[in-house]
């Protein structure tokens, strides 16, 4: 089964993507990306804000790769390996967060949770796109301007500062729920299983 996880699922790509994330954040992460706002002005976001999408795409790539016959005859269900890999990805993201910022680590967990739920409802491609769409919606609709100062609305979790306890609690709760949903596996995990 270890060969299956390494050769077929290719979970080794996730740590490599985390290294790429650290390199991108360290070199060009502070570059500003222009983002339109519904208030009529043009805002911006640091490139590091979008880097969690790299991890989600790598994880969805790994979860999409499967051999249905091998998985149906496995002694240990593959979804348990997937849950362990997701938890390990979140742990490694927090290690990387010590370098790039804990808000990036929190957003990785948040987007992974959204992706796992979206994958359960649709497929891996939709799940990866849902994370990017969530980040963009947070930027466009989630900013509030109070007396000329930029702030975030209550629902724009990805815009909360790294030290926000409420954002962390919500993210951990959503991630735990996503792991439970992923571990249930009633055969509707992806388009391949249907």
Protein backbone atom coordinates (compact mmCIF):
# COMPACT_ATOMS: atom_id res chain seq x y z
CA UNK A 1 0.00 0.00 0.00
CA UNK A 2 2.93 2.34 0.60
CA UNK A 3 3.88 2.00 -3.05
CA UNK A 4 0.34 2.88 -4.03
CA UNK A 5 0.42 6.07 -1.96
CA UNK A 6 3.82 7.05 -3.40
CA UNK A 7 3.63 5.81 -7.00
CA UNK A 8 -0.06 6.19 -7.86
CA UNK A 9 -1.38 8.89 -5.55
CA UNK A 10 1.97 10.75 -5.60
CA UNK A 11 1.58 12.36 -2.19
CA UNK A 12 5.27 13.27 -2.38
CA UNK A 13 4.29 16.22 -4.58
CA UNK A 14 2.68 18.05 -1.65
CA UNK A 15 5.90 18.66 0.36
CA UNK A 16 7.58 19.79 -2.86
CA UNK A 17 4.73 22.24 -3.43
CA UNK A 18 5.10 23.53 0.13
CA UNK A 19 8.78 24.20 -0.56
CA UNK A 20 7.73 26.06 -3.72
CA UNK A 21 5.22 28.06 -1.67
CA UNK A 22 7.95 29.11 0.78
CA UNK A 23 10.21 30.12 -2.12
CA UNK A 24 7.47 32.11 -3.86
CA UNK A 25 6.46 33.87 -0.64
CA UNK A 26 10.09 34.62 0.20
CA UNK A 27 11.00 36.02 -3.20
CA UNK A 28 7.93 37.69 -4.71
CA UNK A 29 5.30 37.18 -2.00
CA UNK A 30 5.10 40.87 -1.14
CA UNK A 31 4.38 41.89 -4.75
CA UNK A 32 0.97 43.47 -5.09
CA UNK A 33 -1.69 42.02 -7.38
CA UNK A 34 -4.38 44.53 -8.41
CA UNK A 35 -7.88 43.46 -7.40
CA UNK A 36 -11.07 45.38 -8.25
CA UNK A 37 -13.42 46.37 -5.49
CA UNK A 38 -17.17 46.86 -5.53
CA UNK A 39 -16.69 50.23 -3.86
CA UNK A 40 -15.35 51.57 -7.15
CA UNK A 41 -11.72 51.77 -6.18
CA UNK A 42 -8.92 49.47 -7.16
CA UNK A 43 -7.42 47.52 -4.31
CA UNK A 44 -4.63 45.04 -4.16
CA UNK A 45 -3.44 41.94 -2.41
CA UNK A 46 -0.02 40.50 -1.84
CA UNK A 47 0.86 37.56 -4.03
CA UNK A 48 1.38 35.47 -0.88
CA UNK A 49 -2.39 35.71 -0.30
CA UNK A 50 -2.99 33.49 -3.36
CA UNK A 51 -0.25 30.91 -2.68
CA UNK A 52 -2.47 28.50 -0.65
CA UNK A 53 -4.13 27.64 -3.97
CA UNK A 54 -0.87 25.91 -4.99
CA UNK A 55 -1.24 23.46 -2.12
CA UNK A 56 -4.91 22.81 -2.87
CA UNK A 57 -4.14 22.07 -6.51
CA UNK A 58 -1.37 19.64 -5.48
CA UNK A 59 -3.61 17.86 -2.98
CA UNK A 60 -6.48 17.57 -5.45
CA UNK A 61 -4.02 16.22 -8.04
CA UNK A 62 -3.01 13.51 -5.58
CA UNK A 63 -6.59 12.67 -4.64
CA UNK A 64 -7.66 12.45 -8.27
CA UNK A 65 -5.06 9.83 -9.15
CA UNK A 66 -6.53 6.43 -8.41
CA UNK A 67 -6.75 2.86 -9.52
CA UNK A 68 -10.30 1.81 -8.73
CA UNK A 69 -9.57 -1.94 -8.79
CA UNK A 70 -6.64 -1.60 -6.40
CA UNK A 71 -8.63 0.60 -4.05
CA UNK A 72 -11.62 -1.72 -3.99
CA UNK A 73 -9.46 -4.68 -2.93
CA UNK A 74 -7.25 -2.83 -0.44
CA UNK A 75 -7.26 -4.14 3.13
CA UNK A 76 -7.04 -0.61 4.55
CA UNK A 77 -9.37 1.87 2.83
CA UNK A 78 -7.44 4.44 0.81
CA UNK A 79 -9.62 7.23 2.22
CA UNK A 80 -7.88 6.68 5.57
CA UNK A 81 -4.52 7.30 3.90
CA UNK A 82 -6.03 10.39 2.31
CA UNK A 83 -7.23 11.71 5.68
CA UNK A 84 -3.79 11.12 7.16
CA UNK A 85 -2.17 12.86 4.19
CA UNK A 86 -4.53 15.83 4.58
CA UNK A 87 -3.70 16.11 8.28
CA UNK A 88 0.02 15.85 7.52
CA UNK A 89 -0.35 18.54 4.84
CA UNK A 90 -1.97 20.86 7.40
CA UNK A 91 0.85 20.13 9.86
CA UNK A 92 3.53 20.81 7.22
CA UNK A 93 1.69 23.99 6.23
CA UNK A 94 2.00 25.21 9.81
CA UNK A 95 5.71 24.46 9.77
CA UNK A 96 5.96 26.49 6.57
CA UNK A 97 3.75 29.12 8.20
CA UNK A 98 6.52 29.85 10.67
CA UNK A 99 8.47 31.20 7.68
CA UNK A 100 5.78 32.70 5.43
CA UNK A 101 3.17 33.73 7.99
CA UNK A 102 0.58 31.86 9.98
CA UNK A 103 -2.23 33.52 8.04
CA UNK A 104 -1.01 31.62 4.96
CA UNK A 105 -1.04 28.37 6.98
CA UNK A 106 -4.57 29.10 8.22
CA UNK A 107 -5.73 29.85 4.67
CA UNK A 108 -4.18 26.58 3.45
CA UNK A 109 -6.25 24.70 6.03
CA UNK A 110 -9.34 26.71 5.15
CA UNK A 111 -8.99 26.13 1.41
CA UNK A 112 -8.22 22.43 1.93
CA UNK A 113 -11.41 22.08 3.95
CA UNK A 114 -13.44 23.86 1.28
CA UNK A 115 -11.80 21.75 -1.43
CA UNK A 116 -12.54 18.46 0.32
CA UNK A 117 -16.19 19.44 0.75
CA UNK A 118 -16.42 20.66 -2.88
CA UNK A 119 -14.74 17.44 -4.05
CA UNK A 120 -17.38 15.44 -2.24
CA UNK A 121 -20.10 17.37 -4.08
CA UNK A 122 -18.45 17.61 -7.50
CA UNK A 123 -14.89 16.64 -8.53
CA UNK A 124 -11.24 17.56 -7.99
CA UNK A 125 -11.09 20.30 -10.64
CA UNK A 126 -14.11 22.03 -9.15
CA UNK A 127 -12.62 21.68 -5.69
CA UNK A 128 -9.37 23.38 -6.69
CA UNK A 129 -11.25 26.20 -8.44
CA UNK A 130 -13.52 26.68 -5.42
CA UNK A 131 -10.54 27.69 -3.29
CA UNK A 132 -9.38 30.34 -5.74
CA UNK A 133 -12.94 31.62 -6.14
CA UNK A 134 -13.29 31.85 -2.35
CA UNK A 135 -10.10 33.93 -2.09
CA UNK A 136 -11.19 36.27 -4.88
CA UNK A 137 -14.68 36.71 -3.39
CA UNK A 138 -13.10 37.52 -0.03
CA UNK A 139 -11.05 40.26 -1.67
CA UNK A 140 -13.81 41.72 -3.83
CA UNK A 141 -16.78 41.45 -1.48
CA UNK A 142 -15.17 40.99 1.91
CA UNK A 143 -13.45 44.33 2.33
CA UNK A 144 -15.15 47.09 4.24
CA UNK A 145 -13.90 50.66 4.37
CA UNK A 146 -14.48 52.47 7.61
CA UNK A 147 -13.38 56.12 7.60
CA UNK A 148 -10.96 55.44 4.76
CA UNK A 149 -9.27 52.51 6.48
CA UNK A 150 -9.53 49.05 4.99
CA UNK A 151 -10.97 46.29 7.15
CA UNK A 152 -12.72 43.00 6.53
CA UNK A 153 -16.31 41.94 6.91
CA UNK A 154 -17.21 39.29 9.46
CA UNK A 155 -17.54 36.45 6.93
CA UNK A 156 -14.27 37.05 5.02
CA UNK A 157 -12.24 34.56 7.07
CA UNK A 158 -9.29 34.57 4.65
CA UNK A 159 -8.76 38.30 5.30
CA UNK A 160 -8.55 38.00 9.08
CA UNK A 161 -5.15 38.65 10.63
CA UNK A 162 -3.03 35.68 11.70
CA UNK A 163 -3.72 36.28 15.41
CA UNK A 164 -7.52 36.13 15.11
CA UNK A 165 -8.75 33.39 17.44
CA UNK A 166 -12.21 33.28 15.86
CA UNK A 167 -10.81 32.72 12.38
CA UNK A 168 -8.57 29.93 13.68
CA UNK A 169 -11.42 28.22 15.54
CA UNK A 170 -13.68 28.37 12.49
CA UNK A 171 -10.91 27.05 10.23
CA UNK A 172 -10.02 24.16 12.55
CA UNK A 173 -13.70 23.27 12.94
CA UNK A 174 -14.26 23.32 9.17
CA UNK A 175 -11.09 21.30 8.57
CA UNK A 176 -12.12 18.66 11.13
CA UNK A 177 -15.57 18.45 9.53
CA UNK A 178 -13.96 18.04 6.11
CA UNK A 179 -11.74 15.23 7.41
CA UNK A 180 -14.77 13.46 8.85
CA UNK A 181 -16.66 13.84 5.57
CA UNK A 182 -13.62 12.64 3.63
CA UNK A 183 -13.22 9.63 5.94
CA UNK A 184 -16.84 8.53 5.63
CA UNK A 185 -16.42 7.68 1.96
CA UNK A 186 -19.76 6.34 0.83
CA UNK A 187 -18.46 6.07 -2.71
CA UNK A 188 -19.13 9.67 -3.68
CA UNK A 189 -15.60 11.01 -3.13
CA UNK A 190 -14.95 12.04 -6.71
CA UNK A 191 -16.17 11.72 -10.23
CA UNK A 192 -14.18 8.49 -10.64
CA UNK A 193 -16.01 6.78 -7.81
CA UNK A 194 -19.48 7.43 -9.20
